[in-house]
Amino acid sequence: MSNWEEVGPERFFVITRGRDRQNAATGFDLVTLIIARSRPEPTMQPEHAAILRICGSPLSVAEISAHLRLPNSLVIVLLADLIGMHKIEARAPIPQAALPDLSLLEAVIHGLQRL
């Protein structure tokens, strides 16, 4: 695919069929993880097929956008299509483990030092 900055907005209009991110009504953000649930089909739009090919393992929306060299907003519209077709699964990223309270750690250290 060519660099999206080199093409006009008409290409994006064609790819999304005139829809925008607000019309897609999704809960995607840049860190939402996407994984393909099926393989691309020959009759699919090329951008949809490309997403399915690269999402064999989980990728974030931002990573998909970077791989395809397309704006995040356009990728979100394409992902909304694929969710509607049950071709992908979207997951929230794994949250970072919560660290224990600093005072608890200090108490453990002091207790170990007393031994």
N, C-alpha and C. Protein backbone atom coordinates (compact mmCIF):
# COMPACT_ATOMS: atom_id res chain seq x y z
N MET A 1 0.85 -1.18 0.00
CA MET A 1 0.00 0.00 0.00
C MET A 1 0.89 1.24 0.00
N SER A 2 0.41 2.29 -0.58
CA SER A 2 1.18 3.51 -0.62
C SER A 2 1.01 4.29 0.69
N ASN A 3 1.91 5.23 0.86
CA ASN A 3 1.85 6.07 2.05
C ASN A 3 0.58 6.91 2.00
N TRP A 4 -0.21 6.88 3.07
CA TRP A 4 -1.51 7.56 3.06
C TRP A 4 -1.39 9.06 2.91
N GLU A 5 -0.24 9.62 3.25
CA GLU A 5 -0.08 11.07 3.12
C GLU A 5 0.06 11.48 1.66
N GLU A 6 0.40 10.51 0.79
CA GLU A 6 0.59 10.82 -0.62
C GLU A 6 -0.70 10.78 -1.43
N VAL A 7 -1.78 10.29 -0.84
CA VAL A 7 -3.04 10.19 -1.56
C VAL A 7 -4.04 11.18 -1.00
N GLY A 8 -5.03 11.48 -1.79
CA GLY A 8 -6.03 12.44 -1.36
C GLY A 8 -7.10 11.81 -0.48
N PRO A 9 -7.95 12.63 0.10
CA PRO A 9 -9.02 12.14 0.97
C PRO A 9 -10.06 11.31 0.22
N GLU A 10 -10.06 11.41 -1.11
CA GLU A 10 -11.02 10.64 -1.89
C GLU A 10 -10.82 9.14 -1.68
N ARG A 11 -9.56 8.72 -1.59
CA ARG A 11 -9.27 7.29 -1.38
C ARG A 11 -9.86 6.83 -0.06
N PHE A 12 -9.72 7.62 0.98
CA PHE A 12 -10.26 7.25 2.28
C PHE A 12 -11.78 7.18 2.24
N PHE A 13 -12.38 8.09 1.51
CA PHE A 13 -13.84 8.10 1.37
C PHE A 13 -14.31 6.80 0.71
N VAL A 14 -13.57 6.36 -0.30
CA VAL A 14 -13.92 5.12 -0.99
C VAL A 14 -13.71 3.92 -0.08
N ILE A 15 -12.60 3.88 0.64
CA ILE A 15 -12.30 2.75 1.53
C ILE A 15 -13.37 2.59 2.60
N THR A 16 -13.81 3.69 3.18
CA THR A 16 -14.79 3.62 4.28
C THR A 16 -16.23 3.74 3.79
N ARG A 17 -16.43 3.88 2.50
CA ARG A 17 -17.76 4.08 1.91
C ARG A 17 -18.47 5.28 2.52
N GLY A 18 -17.68 6.32 2.80
CA GLY A 18 -18.24 7.57 3.30
C GLY A 18 -18.49 7.62 4.80
N ARG A 19 -18.26 6.52 5.48
CA ARG A 19 -18.50 6.52 6.93
C ARG A 19 -17.29 7.09 7.66
N ASP A 20 -17.52 7.59 8.84
CA ASP A 20 -16.40 8.08 9.65
C ASP A 20 -16.42 7.36 10.99
N ARG A 21 -15.46 7.71 11.80
CA ARG A 21 -15.28 7.05 13.10
C ARG A 21 -16.53 7.16 13.97
N GLN A 22 -17.20 8.31 13.96
CA GLN A 22 -18.40 8.50 14.77
C GLN A 22 -19.53 7.59 14.29
N ASN A 23 -19.65 7.42 12.98
CA ASN A 23 -20.69 6.56 12.44
C ASN A 23 -20.42 5.08 12.69
N ALA A 24 -19.15 4.73 12.90
CA ALA A 24 -18.80 3.33 13.14
C ALA A 24 -19.26 2.88 14.53
N ALA A 25 -19.42 3.81 15.46
CA ALA A 25 -19.93 3.54 16.81
C ALA A 25 -19.23 2.35 17.46
N THR A 26 -17.94 2.51 17.69
CA THR A 26 -17.17 1.44 18.32
C THR A 26 -16.56 1.92 19.62
N GLY A 27 -16.09 0.98 20.38
CA GLY A 27 -15.40 1.30 21.62
C GLY A 27 -13.90 1.14 21.47
N PHE A 28 -13.39 1.15 20.25
CA PHE A 28 -11.96 0.98 20.02
C PHE A 28 -11.19 2.20 20.48
N ASP A 29 -10.02 1.96 21.06
CA ASP A 29 -9.05 3.02 21.25
C ASP A 29 -7.73 2.50 20.70
N LEU A 30 -6.68 3.27 20.80
CA LEU A 30 -5.42 2.90 20.16
C LEU A 30 -4.76 1.66 20.76
N VAL A 31 -5.10 1.31 21.99
CA VAL A 31 -4.47 0.15 22.63
C VAL A 31 -5.36 -1.09 22.65
N THR A 32 -6.56 -1.01 22.07
CA THR A 32 -7.42 -2.18 21.98
C THR A 32 -6.71 -3.23 21.15
N LEU A 33 -6.70 -4.46 21.64
CA LEU A 33 -6.04 -5.55 20.94
C LEU A 33 -7.03 -6.25 20.00
N ILE A 34 -6.56 -6.53 18.80
CA ILE A 34 -7.39 -7.14 17.76
C ILE A 34 -6.76 -8.47 17.37
N ILE A 35 -7.58 -9.51 17.26
CA ILE A 35 -7.11 -10.80 16.76
C ILE A 35 -8.12 -11.32 15.74
N ALA A 36 -7.60 -11.89 14.66
CA ALA A 36 -8.46 -12.42 13.60
C ALA A 36 -9.14 -13.70 14.06
N ARG A 37 -10.41 -13.85 13.70
CA ARG A 37 -11.16 -15.07 13.99
C ARG A 37 -11.35 -15.92 12.74
N SER A 38 -10.97 -15.38 11.57
CA SER A 38 -11.10 -16.13 10.33
C SER A 38 -10.04 -15.64 9.34
N ARG A 39 -9.97 -16.32 8.24
CA ARG A 39 -9.03 -15.95 7.17
C ARG A 39 -9.70 -14.98 6.21
N PRO A 40 -8.87 -14.23 5.47
CA PRO A 40 -9.45 -13.34 4.46
C PRO A 40 -10.17 -14.14 3.37
N GLU A 41 -11.18 -13.54 2.81
CA GLU A 41 -11.93 -14.15 1.71
C GLU A 41 -11.58 -13.41 0.43
N PRO A 42 -11.61 -14.10 -0.71
CA PRO A 42 -11.22 -13.47 -1.98
C PRO A 42 -12.06 -12.25 -2.35
N THR A 43 -13.30 -12.20 -1.89
CA THR A 43 -14.18 -11.09 -2.27
C THR A 43 -14.10 -9.90 -1.32
N MET A 44 -13.26 -10.00 -0.31
CA MET A 44 -13.15 -8.92 0.69
C MET A 44 -12.44 -7.70 0.13
N GLN A 45 -12.76 -6.58 0.71
CA GLN A 45 -12.05 -5.34 0.43
C GLN A 45 -10.57 -5.58 0.82
N PRO A 46 -9.61 -5.11 0.04
CA PRO A 46 -8.19 -5.38 0.31
C PRO A 46 -7.74 -4.98 1.72
N GLU A 47 -8.25 -3.87 2.22
CA GLU A 47 -7.84 -3.42 3.55
C GLU A 47 -8.37 -4.35 4.64
N HIS A 48 -9.59 -4.86 4.47
CA HIS A 48 -10.13 -5.84 5.43
C HIS A 48 -9.28 -7.11 5.42
N ALA A 49 -8.94 -7.58 4.22
CA ALA A 49 -8.13 -8.79 4.10
C ALA A 49 -6.75 -8.58 4.72
N ALA A 50 -6.17 -7.41 4.53
CA ALA A 50 -4.85 -7.13 5.10
C ALA A 50 -4.90 -7.17 6.62
N ILE A 51 -5.95 -6.63 7.21
CA ILE A 51 -6.09 -6.66 8.68
C ILE A 51 -6.16 -8.11 9.15
N LEU A 52 -6.95 -8.93 8.50
CA LEU A 52 -7.06 -10.33 8.91
C LEU A 52 -5.74 -11.06 8.78
N ARG A 53 -4.97 -10.75 7.73
CA ARG A 53 -3.67 -11.41 7.54
C ARG A 53 -2.68 -11.05 8.64
N ILE A 54 -2.65 -9.80 9.06
CA ILE A 54 -1.63 -9.39 10.04
C ILE A 54 -2.05 -9.65 11.49
N CYS A 55 -3.32 -9.96 11.72
CA CYS A 55 -3.81 -10.13 13.09
C CYS A 55 -3.93 -11.60 13.50
N GLY A 56 -3.01 -12.43 13.04
CA GLY A 56 -2.98 -13.81 13.49
C GLY A 56 -2.66 -13.90 14.97
N SER A 57 -1.89 -12.97 15.45
CA SER A 57 -1.67 -12.81 16.88
C SER A 57 -2.11 -11.39 17.23
N PRO A 58 -2.45 -11.14 18.48
CA PRO A 58 -3.03 -9.83 18.84
C PRO A 58 -2.13 -8.64 18.49
N LEU A 59 -2.75 -7.66 17.87
CA LEU A 59 -2.10 -6.38 17.58
C LEU A 59 -3.01 -5.26 18.05
N SER A 60 -2.41 -4.17 18.48
CA SER A 60 -3.21 -3.02 18.89
C SER A 60 -3.69 -2.27 17.66
N VAL A 61 -4.70 -1.45 17.84
CA VAL A 61 -5.22 -0.62 16.76
C VAL A 61 -4.09 0.26 16.20
N ALA A 62 -3.26 0.81 17.07
CA ALA A 62 -2.16 1.66 16.63
C ALA A 62 -1.15 0.87 15.79
N GLU A 63 -0.88 -0.38 16.17
CA GLU A 63 0.05 -1.21 15.40
C GLU A 63 -0.53 -1.55 14.02
N ILE A 64 -1.81 -1.85 13.98
CA ILE A 64 -2.46 -2.15 12.70
C ILE A 64 -2.37 -0.93 11.79
N SER A 65 -2.65 0.22 12.34
CA SER A 65 -2.58 1.47 11.59
C SER A 65 -1.17 1.68 11.03
N ALA A 66 -0.17 1.42 11.85
CA ALA A 66 1.22 1.58 11.41
C ALA A 66 1.58 0.57 10.32
N HIS A 67 1.17 -0.68 10.49
CA HIS A 67 1.46 -1.71 9.48
C HIS A 67 0.82 -1.37 8.14
N LEU A 68 -0.40 -0.90 8.17
CA LEU A 68 -1.13 -0.60 6.93
C LEU A 68 -0.82 0.79 6.39
N ARG A 69 -0.17 1.61 7.20
CA ARG A 69 0.13 2.99 6.83
C ARG A 69 -1.13 3.77 6.50
N LEU A 70 -2.13 3.58 7.39
CA LEU A 70 -3.41 4.27 7.26
C LEU A 70 -3.70 5.02 8.55
N PRO A 71 -4.47 6.09 8.50
CA PRO A 71 -4.81 6.83 9.72
C PRO A 71 -5.61 5.96 10.69
N ASN A 72 -5.41 6.20 11.97
CA ASN A 72 -6.12 5.45 13.02
C ASN A 72 -7.64 5.51 12.83
N SER A 73 -8.15 6.68 12.50
CA SER A 73 -9.59 6.84 12.36
C SER A 73 -10.15 5.96 11.24
N LEU A 74 -9.41 5.81 10.16
CA LEU A 74 -9.84 4.96 9.06
C LEU A 74 -9.78 3.49 9.47
N VAL A 75 -8.72 3.11 10.16
CA VAL A 75 -8.57 1.72 10.62
C VAL A 75 -9.71 1.36 11.57
N ILE A 76 -10.12 2.28 12.41
CA ILE A 76 -11.22 2.01 13.34
C ILE A 76 -12.52 1.73 12.59
N VAL A 77 -12.76 2.45 11.51
CA VAL A 77 -13.96 2.18 10.70
C VAL A 77 -13.87 0.78 10.09
N LEU A 78 -12.70 0.42 9.58
CA LEU A 78 -12.51 -0.92 8.99
C LEU A 78 -12.68 -2.01 10.04
N LEU A 79 -12.17 -1.77 11.24
CA LEU A 79 -12.31 -2.75 12.32
C LEU A 79 -13.77 -2.91 12.73
N ALA A 80 -14.51 -1.81 12.71
CA ALA A 80 -15.94 -1.89 13.02
C ALA A 80 -16.66 -2.78 12.01
N ASP A 81 -16.26 -2.68 10.74
CA ASP A 81 -16.83 -3.56 9.72
C ASP A 81 -16.54 -5.02 10.05
N LEU A 82 -15.29 -5.30 10.37
CA LEU A 82 -14.88 -6.68 10.64
C LEU A 82 -15.53 -7.24 11.90
N ILE A 83 -15.72 -6.40 12.91
CA ILE A 83 -16.44 -6.85 14.12
C ILE A 83 -17.87 -7.21 13.73
N GLY A 84 -18.50 -6.38 12.91
CA GLY A 84 -19.86 -6.64 12.47
C GLY A 84 -20.00 -7.92 11.67
N MET A 85 -18.92 -8.30 10.97
CA MET A 85 -18.92 -9.53 10.18
C MET A 85 -18.44 -10.74 11.00
N HIS A 86 -18.13 -10.50 12.27
CA HIS A 86 -17.62 -11.55 13.18
C HIS A 86 -16.31 -12.14 12.67
N LYS A 87 -15.46 -11.31 12.06
CA LYS A 87 -14.19 -11.76 11.52
C LYS A 87 -13.03 -11.50 12.48
N ILE A 88 -13.22 -10.60 13.44
CA ILE A 88 -12.17 -10.30 14.42
C ILE A 88 -12.76 -10.29 15.82
N GLU A 89 -11.87 -10.32 16.78
CA GLU A 89 -12.25 -10.19 18.18
C GLU A 89 -11.43 -9.03 18.75
N ALA A 90 -12.07 -8.20 19.53
CA ALA A 90 -11.40 -7.06 20.16
C ALA A 90 -11.32 -7.30 21.65
N ARG A 91 -10.16 -7.02 22.22
CA ARG A 91 -9.96 -7.19 23.66
C ARG A 91 -9.29 -5.95 24.23
N ALA A 92 -9.64 -5.68 25.46
CA ALA A 92 -8.93 -4.61 26.17
C ALA A 92 -7.52 -5.11 26.45
N PRO A 93 -6.55 -4.21 26.46
CA PRO A 93 -5.19 -4.66 26.77
C PRO A 93 -5.11 -5.20 28.19
N ILE A 94 -4.15 -6.06 28.41
CA ILE A 94 -3.96 -6.63 29.74
C ILE A 94 -3.48 -5.51 30.66
N PRO A 95 -4.19 -5.27 31.75
CA PRO A 95 -3.78 -4.17 32.65
C PRO A 95 -2.47 -4.53 33.36
N GLN A 96 -1.72 -3.51 33.65
CA GLN A 96 -0.49 -3.72 34.41
C GLN A 96 -0.85 -4.19 35.80
N ALA A 97 -0.02 -5.06 36.33
CA ALA A 97 -0.27 -5.56 37.68
C ALA A 97 -0.20 -4.40 38.67
N ALA A 98 -1.12 -4.39 39.58
CA ALA A 98 -1.13 -3.34 40.60
C ALA A 98 0.01 -3.61 41.59
N LEU A 99 0.76 -2.59 41.85
CA LEU A 99 1.85 -2.74 42.80
C LEU A 99 1.32 -2.65 44.22
N PRO A 100 1.92 -3.41 45.13
CA PRO A 100 1.48 -3.32 46.52
C PRO A 100 1.79 -1.94 47.09
N ASP A 101 1.12 -1.61 48.13
CA ASP A 101 1.31 -0.33 48.80
C ASP A 101 2.75 -0.21 49.27
N LEU A 102 3.34 0.96 49.09
CA LEU A 102 4.73 1.20 49.48
C LEU A 102 4.94 0.97 50.97
N SER A 103 3.98 1.34 51.79
CA SER A 103 4.14 1.14 53.24
C SER A 103 4.20 -0.36 53.58
N LEU A 104 3.47 -1.19 52.83
CA LEU A 104 3.53 -2.63 53.05
C LEU A 104 4.92 -3.16 52.70
N LEU A 105 5.47 -2.71 51.60
CA LEU A 105 6.82 -3.15 51.22
C LEU A 105 7.85 -2.73 52.26
N GLU A 106 7.74 -1.51 52.76
CA GLU A 106 8.67 -1.03 53.79
C GLU A 106 8.55 -1.86 55.07
N ALA A 107 7.32 -2.21 55.44
CA ALA A 107 7.11 -3.03 56.63
C ALA A 107 7.74 -4.41 56.46
N VAL A 108 7.62 -4.98 55.29
CA VAL A 108 8.23 -6.29 55.03
C VAL A 108 9.75 -6.19 55.11
N ILE A 109 10.32 -5.16 54.52
CA ILE A 109 11.78 -4.97 54.55
C ILE A 109 12.25 -4.81 55.99
N HIS A 110 11.57 -3.98 56.76
CA HIS A 110 11.95 -3.78 58.17
C HIS A 110 11.83 -5.08 58.93
N GLY A 111 10.80 -5.85 58.69
CA GLY A 111 10.62 -7.13 59.36
C GLY A 111 11.73 -8.10 59.01
N LEU A 112 12.14 -8.13 57.75
CA LEU A 112 13.23 -9.01 57.33
C LEU A 112 14.56 -8.57 57.92
N GLN A 113 14.77 -7.26 58.05
CA GLN A 113 16.01 -6.76 58.64
C GLN A 113 16.12 -7.12 60.12
N ARG A 114 15.02 -7.26 60.80
CA ARG A 114 15.02 -7.60 62.22
C ARG A 114 15.35 -9.07 62.47
N LEU A 115 15.20 -9.89 61.46
CA LEU A 115 15.47 -11.34 61.64
C LEU A 115 16.92 -11.63 61.87
